[in-house]
């Protein structure tokens, strides 16, 4: 998940490229297609406490409030691998697989799948 804070001095697409390299390794030449996200996942309401399921506590988010709760979103960007291979860091990534859109449905939680399926390409 990509979280941009006020202290980040890079643009969204730069942060996406940085995080892609951090997860997939530096052995790929990639192209982030757009400077804007192509999709957003907004977690559903949690039935137990009627609040959003995914919140982060960020102290000193701005000068007017000493502590703040912000909702976590997952932004999606389109990228192409131009050359190279994914080489994951096995200390930080538990599982990796190349999957088609149809194969992803059975591996993702239902709420997440329903939130992201329309962002994924059918071909």
Protein backbone atom coordinates (compact mmCIF):
# COMPACT_ATOMS: atom_id res chain seq x y z
CA UNK A 1 0.00 0.00 0.00
CA UNK A 2 1.24 3.44 -0.88
CA UNK A 3 0.85 6.11 1.81
CA UNK A 4 1.88 9.64 0.90
CA UNK A 5 2.54 12.05 3.74
CA UNK A 6 3.01 15.79 3.78
CA UNK A 7 6.74 15.24 4.10
CA UNK A 8 6.92 13.34 0.79
CA UNK A 9 8.50 15.59 -1.81
CA UNK A 10 7.95 13.27 -4.74
CA UNK A 11 4.92 12.93 -6.99
CA UNK A 12 2.52 9.98 -6.94
CA UNK A 13 4.11 8.27 -9.94
CA UNK A 14 7.58 8.63 -8.39
CA UNK A 15 6.36 7.08 -5.14
CA UNK A 16 4.70 4.27 -7.13
CA UNK A 17 7.96 3.54 -8.97
CA UNK A 18 9.89 3.61 -5.69
CA UNK A 19 7.49 1.17 -4.02
CA UNK A 20 7.40 -1.10 -7.08
CA UNK A 21 11.19 -1.37 -6.92
CA UNK A 22 11.10 -1.96 -3.17
CA UNK A 23 8.70 -4.91 -3.54
CA UNK A 24 9.73 -6.42 -6.89
CA UNK A 25 13.45 -5.66 -6.81
CA UNK A 26 15.73 -3.44 -8.91
CA UNK A 27 16.16 -5.95 -11.76
CA UNK A 28 13.32 -4.64 -13.93
CA UNK A 29 13.00 -1.73 -16.30
CA UNK A 30 9.45 -0.43 -15.77
CA UNK A 31 7.30 2.38 -17.07
CA UNK A 32 4.58 3.95 -14.91
CA UNK A 33 1.97 4.75 -17.56
CA UNK A 34 0.27 7.74 -15.92
CA UNK A 35 1.03 10.39 -13.35
CA UNK A 36 -2.39 9.74 -11.80
CA UNK A 37 -3.83 6.59 -10.21
CA UNK A 38 -6.16 4.47 -12.34
CA UNK A 39 -8.10 3.23 -9.34
CA UNK A 40 -8.67 3.43 -5.63
CA UNK A 41 -9.65 0.78 -3.09
CA UNK A 42 -11.70 2.12 -0.21
CA UNK A 43 -12.11 -0.58 2.49
CA UNK A 44 -15.72 -1.35 3.47
CA UNK A 45 -17.25 -0.43 6.80
CA UNK A 46 -16.33 -2.80 9.59
CA UNK A 47 -19.49 -4.43 10.89
CA UNK A 48 -18.14 -4.77 14.46
CA UNK A 49 -17.58 -1.12 15.34
CA UNK A 50 -19.22 0.79 12.44
CA UNK A 51 -15.93 2.48 11.50
CA UNK A 52 -13.72 2.11 8.48
CA UNK A 53 -11.66 -1.07 8.65
CA UNK A 54 -8.38 0.55 7.74
CA UNK A 55 -7.23 3.61 9.66
CA UNK A 56 -3.72 4.76 10.46
CA UNK A 57 -2.63 6.81 13.45
CA UNK A 58 -0.29 9.56 12.36
CA UNK A 59 0.99 11.90 15.08
CA UNK A 60 1.55 15.51 14.07
CA UNK A 61 -0.16 15.25 10.69
CA UNK A 62 -0.43 19.03 10.57
CA UNK A 63 0.22 21.98 12.84
CA UNK A 64 -3.40 22.53 13.89
CA UNK A 65 -3.98 19.05 15.33
CA UNK A 66 -1.30 17.26 17.33
CA UNK A 67 -2.60 13.79 16.45
CA UNK A 68 -4.85 12.62 13.66
CA UNK A 69 -6.55 9.52 12.37
CA UNK A 70 -6.55 9.21 8.62
CA UNK A 71 -8.24 6.62 6.51
CA UNK A 72 -5.98 4.31 4.54
CA UNK A 73 -6.68 3.88 0.84
CA UNK A 74 -4.93 1.72 -1.71
CA UNK A 75 -4.14 3.53 -4.96
CA UNK A 76 -3.52 1.58 -8.16
CA UNK A 77 -1.35 2.69 -11.03
CA UNK A 78 -0.74 1.06 -14.37
CA UNK A 79 2.82 -0.01 -15.11
CA UNK A 80 4.55 -2.00 -17.83
CA UNK A 81 7.58 -4.21 -17.39
CA UNK A 82 9.84 -3.35 -20.32
CA UNK A 83 12.70 -5.73 -19.46
CA UNK A 84 14.00 -7.83 -16.61
CA UNK A 85 12.49 -10.08 -13.97
CA UNK A 86 10.80 -9.76 -10.61
CA UNK A 87 13.16 -10.79 -7.81
CA UNK A 88 11.36 -10.44 -4.52
CA UNK A 89 13.00 -9.90 -1.16
CA UNK A 90 11.91 -13.06 0.67
CA UNK A 91 12.34 -11.35 4.03
CA UNK A 92 9.48 -8.92 3.29
CA UNK A 93 7.27 -10.69 0.73
CA UNK A 94 5.56 -13.89 1.85
CA UNK A 95 4.11 -15.07 -1.46
CA UNK A 96 4.42 -14.15 -5.13
CA UNK A 97 2.61 -15.39 -8.23
CA UNK A 98 1.83 -14.16 -11.75
CA UNK A 99 -1.97 -14.46 -12.01
CA UNK A 100 -4.64 -13.70 -14.57
CA UNK A 101 -7.64 -11.64 -13.53
CA UNK A 102 -9.73 -14.81 -13.33
CA UNK A 103 -7.18 -16.55 -11.09
CA UNK A 104 -7.05 -13.59 -8.71
CA UNK A 105 -10.72 -13.89 -7.74
CA UNK A 106 -10.19 -17.18 -5.88
CA UNK A 107 -7.13 -15.87 -3.99
CA UNK A 108 -8.49 -12.53 -2.79
CA UNK A 109 -10.97 -11.77 -0.03
CA UNK A 110 -14.43 -11.09 -1.46
CA UNK A 111 -14.63 -7.43 -0.36
CA UNK A 112 -11.20 -6.68 -1.82
CA UNK A 113 -11.98 -8.51 -5.07
CA UNK A 114 -15.23 -6.57 -5.53
CA UNK A 115 -13.34 -3.34 -4.90
CA UNK A 116 -10.55 -3.95 -7.43
CA UNK A 117 -11.92 -6.21 -10.20
CA UNK A 118 -13.02 -3.33 -12.43
CA UNK A 119 -9.53 -1.76 -12.32
CA UNK A 120 -7.91 -4.90 -13.74
CA UNK A 121 -7.56 -5.49 -17.47
CA UNK A 122 -9.50 -8.34 -19.07
CA UNK A 123 -6.69 -9.19 -21.48
